[in-house]
Amino acid sequence: MTHGLWFLPLGLAIGIAGTRTWMQVRHALRAARDRAPWLLPVLAWLPLVCWILSRFIPQD
């Protein structure tokens, strides 16, 4: 069960770094109507979400 547990801190680090970058970009652009920056936090947290799903969904 502990196999692959090292990915949890890595996924959290990627998600936090991507969210911080997104907040800096959004603040720098000051354009709430621009929809492009929303993709950055989604892509940043995607590896962690996929890892969590893979822990709970049986893969045969």
PDB file of N, CA and C in Angstrom:
ATOM      1  N   MET A   1       0.818  -1.202   0.000  1.00  0.00           N
ATOM      2  CA  MET A   1       0.000   0.000   0.000  1.00  0.00           C
ATOM      3  C   MET A   1       0.860   1.263   0.000  1.00  0.00           C
ATOM      4  N   THR A   2       2.091   1.157   0.458  1.00  0.00           N
ATOM      5  CA  THR A   2       2.945   2.340   0.493  1.00  0.00           C
ATOM      6  C   THR A   2       3.687   2.545  -0.820  1.00  0.00           C
ATOM      7  N   HIS A   3       3.496   1.641  -1.758  1.00  0.00           N
ATOM      8  CA  HIS A   3       4.153   1.768  -3.050  1.00  0.00           C
ATOM      9  C   HIS A   3       3.627   3.006  -3.772  1.00  0.00           C
ATOM     10  N   GLY A   4       4.500   3.897  -4.150  1.00  0.00           N
ATOM     11  CA  GLY A   4       4.090   5.106  -4.856  1.00  0.00           C
ATOM     12  C   GLY A   4       3.671   6.235  -3.938  1.00  0.00           C
ATOM     13  N   LEU A   5       3.867   6.069  -2.636  1.00  0.00           N
ATOM     14  CA  LEU A   5       3.468   7.107  -1.692  1.00  0.00           C
ATOM     15  C   LEU A   5       4.361   8.347  -1.799  1.00  0.00           C
ATOM     16  N   TRP A   6       5.518   8.198  -2.407  1.00  0.00           N
ATOM     17  CA  TRP A   6       6.425   9.322  -2.608  1.00  0.00           C
ATOM     18  C   TRP A   6       5.822  10.376  -3.527  1.00  0.00           C
ATOM     19  N   PHE A   7       4.802   9.990  -4.305  1.00  0.00           N
ATOM     20  CA  PHE A   7       4.214  10.923  -5.263  1.00  0.00           C
ATOM     21  C   PHE A   7       3.336  11.966  -4.580  1.00  0.00           C
ATOM     22  N   LEU A   8       2.857  11.682  -3.370  1.00  0.00           N
ATOM     23  CA  LEU A   8       2.003  12.637  -2.663  1.00  0.00           C
ATOM     24  C   LEU A   8       2.708  13.975  -2.430  1.00  0.00           C
ATOM     25  N   PRO A   9       3.893  14.012  -1.820  1.00  0.00           N
ATOM     26  CA  PRO A   9       4.546  15.324  -1.660  1.00  0.00           C
ATOM     27  C   PRO A   9       4.942  15.964  -2.997  1.00  0.00           C
ATOM     28  N   LEU A  10       5.299  15.146  -3.964  1.00  0.00           N
ATOM     29  CA  LEU A  10       5.643  15.677  -5.280  1.00  0.00           C
ATOM     30  C   LEU A  10       4.429  16.313  -5.948  1.00  0.00           C
ATOM     31  N   GLY A  11       3.294  15.634  -5.897  1.00  0.00           N
ATOM     32  CA  GLY A  11       2.063  16.175  -6.475  1.00  0.00           C
ATOM     33  C   GLY A  11       1.609  17.443  -5.771  1.00  0.00           C
ATOM     34  N   LEU A  12       1.751  17.463  -4.447  1.00  0.00           N
ATOM     35  CA  LEU A  12       1.407  18.675  -3.701  1.00  0.00           C
ATOM     36  C   LEU A  12       2.320  19.831  -4.077  1.00  0.00           C
ATOM     37  N   ALA A  13       3.605  19.557  -4.216  1.00  0.00           N
ATOM     38  CA  ALA A  13       4.552  20.612  -4.591  1.00  0.00           C
ATOM     39  C   ALA A  13       4.243  21.171  -5.977  1.00  0.00           C
ATOM     40  N   ILE A  14       3.915  20.290  -6.920  1.00  0.00           N
ATOM     41  CA  ILE A  14       3.579  20.734  -8.275  1.00  0.00           C
ATOM     42  C   ILE A  14       2.299  21.577  -8.249  1.00  0.00           C
ATOM     43  N   GLY A  15       1.303  21.119  -7.500  1.00  0.00           N
ATOM     44  CA  GLY A  15       0.041  21.852  -7.408  1.00  0.00           C
ATOM     45  C   GLY A  15       0.200  23.215  -6.766  1.00  0.00           C
ATOM     46  N   ILE A  16       0.962  23.272  -5.691  1.00  0.00           N
ATOM     47  CA  ILE A  16       1.177  24.549  -4.998  1.00  0.00           C
ATOM     48  C   ILE A  16       1.979  25.509  -5.872  1.00  0.00           C
ATOM     49  N   ALA A  17       3.023  24.999  -6.519  1.00  0.00           N
ATOM     50  CA  ALA A  17       3.836  25.855  -7.394  1.00  0.00           C
ATOM     51  C   ALA A  17       3.010  26.384  -8.567  1.00  0.00           C
ATOM     52  N   GLY A  18       2.188  25.528  -9.147  1.00  0.00           N
ATOM     53  CA  GLY A  18       1.349  25.971 -10.268  1.00  0.00           C
ATOM     54  C   GLY A  18       0.302  26.983  -9.842  1.00  0.00           C
ATOM     55  N   THR A  19      -0.262  26.800  -8.649  1.00  0.00           N
ATOM     56  CA  THR A  19      -1.258  27.741  -8.145  1.00  0.00           C
ATOM     57  C   THR A  19      -0.623  29.094  -7.831  1.00  0.00           C
ATOM     58  N   ARG A  20       0.563  29.074  -7.238  1.00  0.00           N
ATOM     59  CA  ARG A  20       1.258  30.340  -6.944  1.00  0.00           C
ATOM     60  C   ARG A  20       1.614  31.074  -8.228  1.00  0.00           C
ATOM     61  N   THR A  21       2.062  30.336  -9.234  1.00  0.00           N
ATOM     62  CA  THR A  21       2.390  30.950 -10.522  1.00  0.00           C
ATOM     63  C   THR A  21       1.146  31.544 -11.157  1.00  0.00           C
ATOM     64  N   TRP A  22       0.037  30.806 -11.090  1.00  0.00           N
ATOM     65  CA  TRP A  22      -1.224  31.285 -11.640  1.00  0.00           C
ATOM     66  C   TRP A  22      -1.674  32.565 -10.947  1.00  0.00           C
ATOM     67  N   MET A  23      -1.525  32.627  -9.629  1.00  0.00           N
ATOM     68  CA  MET A  23      -1.925  33.829  -8.896  1.00  0.00           C
ATOM     69  C   MET A  23      -1.050  35.022  -9.285  1.00  0.00           C
ATOM     70  N   GLN A  24       0.233  34.791  -9.501  1.00  0.00           N
ATOM     71  CA  GLN A  24       1.121  35.869  -9.914  1.00  0.00           C
ATOM     72  C   GLN A  24       0.785  36.355 -11.326  1.00  0.00           C
ATOM     73  N   VAL A  25       0.496  35.427 -12.220  1.00  0.00           N
ATOM     74  CA  VAL A  25       0.135  35.799 -13.595  1.00  0.00           C
ATOM     75  C   VAL A  25      -1.182  36.561 -13.601  1.00  0.00           C
ATOM     76  N   ARG A  26      -2.148  36.087 -12.845  1.00  0.00           N
ATOM     77  CA  ARG A  26      -3.452  36.743 -12.792  1.00  0.00           C
ATOM     78  C   ARG A  26      -3.327  38.147 -12.218  1.00  0.00           C
ATOM     79  N   HIS A  27      -2.494  38.277 -11.195  1.00  0.00           N
ATOM     80  CA  HIS A  27      -2.283  39.597 -10.602  1.00  0.00           C
ATOM     81  C   HIS A  27      -1.552  40.521 -11.576  1.00  0.00           C
ATOM     82  N   ALA A  28      -0.592  39.982 -12.310  1.00  0.00           N
ATOM     83  CA  ALA A  28       0.171  40.800 -13.261  1.00  0.00           C
ATOM     84  C   ALA A  28      -0.701  41.248 -14.439  1.00  0.00           C
ATOM     85  N   LEU A  29      -1.572  40.363 -14.901  1.00  0.00           N
ATOM     86  CA  LEU A  29      -2.423  40.717 -16.039  1.00  0.00           C
ATOM     87  C   LEU A  29      -3.569  41.634 -15.636  1.00  0.00           C
ATOM     88  N   ARG A  30      -4.074  41.448 -14.435  1.00  0.00           N
ATOM     89  CA  ARG A  30      -5.224  42.212 -13.931  1.00  0.00           C
ATOM     90  C   ARG A  30      -6.403  42.152 -14.901  1.00  0.00           C
ATOM     91  N   ALA A  31      -6.563  41.025 -15.533  1.00  0.00           N
ATOM     92  CA  ALA A  31      -7.662  40.860 -16.490  1.00  0.00           C
ATOM     93  C   ALA A  31      -8.514  39.684 -16.038  1.00  0.00           C
ATOM     94  N   ALA A  32      -9.595  39.964 -15.367  1.00  0.00           N
ATOM     95  CA  ALA A  32     -10.474  38.913 -14.869  1.00  0.00           C
ATOM     96  C   ALA A  32     -11.243  38.234 -15.999  1.00  0.00           C
ATOM     97  N   ARG A  33     -11.355  38.902 -17.130  1.00  0.00           N
ATOM     98  CA  ARG A  33     -12.126  38.343 -18.242  1.00  0.00           C
ATOM     99  C   ARG A  33     -11.303  37.407 -19.113  1.00  0.00           C
ATOM    100  N   ASP A  34      -9.998  37.433 -18.943  1.00  0.00           N
ATOM    101  CA  ASP A  34      -9.143  36.550 -19.735  1.00  0.00           C
ATOM    102  C   ASP A  34      -9.277  35.132 -19.190  1.00  0.00           C
ATOM    103  N   ARG A  35      -9.633  34.196 -20.027  1.00  0.00           N
ATOM    104  CA  ARG A  35      -9.903  32.839 -19.563  1.00  0.00           C
ATOM    105  C   ARG A  35      -8.718  31.898 -19.707  1.00  0.00           C
ATOM    106  N   ALA A  36      -7.634  32.330 -20.296  1.00  0.00           N
ATOM    107  CA  ALA A  36      -6.479  31.456 -20.511  1.00  0.00           C
ATOM    108  C   ALA A  36      -5.783  31.037 -19.215  1.00  0.00           C
ATOM    109  N   PRO A  37      -5.592  31.917 -18.225  1.00  0.00           N
ATOM    110  CA  PRO A  37      -4.844  31.500 -17.038  1.00  0.00           C
ATOM    111  C   PRO A  37      -5.532  30.430 -16.186  1.00  0.00           C
ATOM    112  N   TRP A  38      -6.802  30.147 -16.369  1.00  0.00           N
ATOM    113  CA  TRP A  38      -7.465  29.129 -15.554  1.00  0.00           C
ATOM    114  C   TRP A  38      -6.895  27.742 -15.832  1.00  0.00           C
ATOM    115  N   LEU A  39      -6.272  27.572 -16.989  1.00  0.00           N
ATOM    116  CA  LEU A  39      -5.738  26.272 -17.350  1.00  0.00           C
ATOM    117  C   LEU A  39      -4.525  25.888 -16.503  1.00  0.00           C
ATOM    118  N   LEU A  40      -3.782  26.858 -16.031  1.00  0.00           N
ATOM    119  CA  LEU A  40      -2.576  26.582 -15.254  1.00  0.00           C
ATOM    120  C   LEU A  40      -2.861  25.848 -13.943  1.00  0.00           C
ATOM    121  N   PRO A  41      -3.789  26.290 -13.095  1.00  0.00           N
ATOM    122  CA  PRO A  41      -4.029  25.509 -11.870  1.00  0.00           C
ATOM    123  C   PRO A  41      -4.645  24.142 -12.152  1.00  0.00           C
ATOM    124  N   VAL A  42      -5.426  24.054 -13.213  1.00  0.00           N
ATOM    125  CA  VAL A  42      -6.011  22.751 -13.564  1.00  0.00           C
ATOM    126  C   VAL A  42      -4.907  21.764 -13.922  1.00  0.00           C
ATOM    127  N   LEU A  43      -3.979  22.204 -14.761  1.00  0.00           N
ATOM    128  CA  LEU A  43      -2.873  21.334 -15.150  1.00  0.00           C
ATOM    129  C   LEU A  43      -1.917  21.069 -13.985  1.00  0.00           C
ATOM    130  N   ALA A  44      -1.792  22.022 -13.070  1.00  0.00           N
ATOM    131  CA  ALA A  44      -0.891  21.845 -11.935  1.00  0.00           C
ATOM    132  C   ALA A  44      -1.411  20.790 -10.965  1.00  0.00           C
ATOM    133  N   TRP A  45      -2.716  20.735 -10.746  1.00  0.00           N
ATOM    134  CA  TRP A  45      -3.286  19.782  -9.786  1.00  0.00           C
ATOM    135  C   TRP A  45      -3.676  18.457 -10.423  1.00  0.00           C
ATOM    136  N   LEU A  46      -3.659  18.370 -11.745  1.00  0.00           N
ATOM    137  CA  LEU A  46      -4.061  17.149 -12.439  1.00  0.00           C
ATOM    138  C   LEU A  46      -3.229  15.915 -12.061  1.00  0.00           C
ATOM    139  N   PRO A  47      -1.901  16.006 -11.935  1.00  0.00           N
ATOM    140  CA  PRO A  47      -1.149  14.803 -11.547  1.00  0.00           C
ATOM    141  C   PRO A  47      -1.559  14.247 -10.185  1.00  0.00           C
ATOM    142  N   LEU A  48      -1.807  15.133  -9.219  1.00  0.00           N
ATOM    143  CA  LEU A  48      -2.216  14.674  -7.891  1.00  0.00           C
ATOM    144  C   LEU A  48      -3.607  14.055  -7.931  1.00  0.00           C
ATOM    145  N   VAL A  49      -4.509  14.665  -8.673  1.00  0.00           N
ATOM    146  CA  VAL A  49      -5.863  14.120  -8.788  1.00  0.00           C
ATOM    147  C   VAL A  49      -5.825  12.741  -9.444  1.00  0.00           C
ATOM    148  N   CYS A  50      -5.040  12.598 -10.488  1.00  0.00           N
ATOM    149  CA  CYS A  50      -4.929  11.292 -11.154  1.00  0.00           C
ATOM    150  C   CYS A  50      -4.308  10.258 -10.223  1.00  0.00           C
ATOM    151  N   TRP A  51      -3.312  10.656  -9.444  1.00  0.00           N
ATOM    152  CA  TRP A  51      -2.688   9.728  -8.501  1.00  0.00           C
ATOM    153  C   TRP A  51      -3.683   9.289  -7.436  1.00  0.00           C
ATOM    154  N   ILE A  52      -4.457  10.233  -6.902  1.00  0.00           N
ATOM    155  CA  ILE A  52      -5.458   9.889  -5.877  1.00  0.00           C
ATOM    156  C   ILE A  52      -6.507   8.950  -6.463  1.00  0.00           C
ATOM    157  N   LEU A  53      -6.964   9.238  -7.671  1.00  0.00           N
ATOM    158  CA  LEU A  53      -7.947   8.360  -8.304  1.00  0.00           C
ATOM    159  C   LEU A  53      -7.379   6.966  -8.538  1.00  0.00           C
ATOM    160  N   SER A  54      -6.119   6.893  -8.896  1.00  0.00           N
ATOM    161  CA  SER A  54      -5.516   5.585  -9.139  1.00  0.00           C
ATOM    162  C   SER A  54      -5.354   4.781  -7.851  1.00  0.00           C
ATOM    163  N   ARG A  55      -5.314   5.455  -6.712  1.00  0.00           N
ATOM    164  CA  ARG A  55      -5.197   4.750  -5.425  1.00  0.00           C
ATOM    165  C   ARG A  55      -6.526   4.106  -5.036  1.00  0.00           C
ATOM    166  N   PHE A  56      -7.658   4.704  -5.456  1.00  0.00           N
ATOM    167  CA  PHE A  56      -8.956   4.225  -5.038  1.00  0.00           C
ATOM    168  C   PHE A  56      -9.700   3.410  -6.087  1.00  0.00           C
ATOM    169  N   ILE A  57      -9.333   3.544  -7.344  1.00  0.00           N
ATOM    170  CA  ILE A  57      -9.981   2.788  -8.406  1.00  0.00           C
ATOM    171  C   ILE A  57      -9.152   1.545  -8.685  1.00  0.00           C
ATOM    172  N   PRO A  58      -9.748   0.376  -8.525  1.00  0.00           N
ATOM    173  CA  PRO A  58      -8.968  -0.852  -8.772  1.00  0.00           C
ATOM    174  C   PRO A  58      -8.567  -0.984 -10.249  1.00  0.00           C
ATOM    175  N   GLN A  59      -7.325  -1.363 -10.452  1.00  0.00           N
ATOM    176  CA  GLN A  59      -6.812  -1.528 -11.802  1.00  0.00           C
ATOM    177  C   GLN A  59      -6.367  -2.982 -11.966  1.00  0.00           C
ATOM    178  N   ASP A  60      -7.108  -3.696 -12.750  1.00  0.00           N
ATOM    179  CA  ASP A  60      -6.809  -5.112 -12.955  1.00  0.00           C
ATOM    180  C   ASP A  60      -6.090  -5.363 -14.250  1.00  0.00           C
TER     181      ASP A  60
END
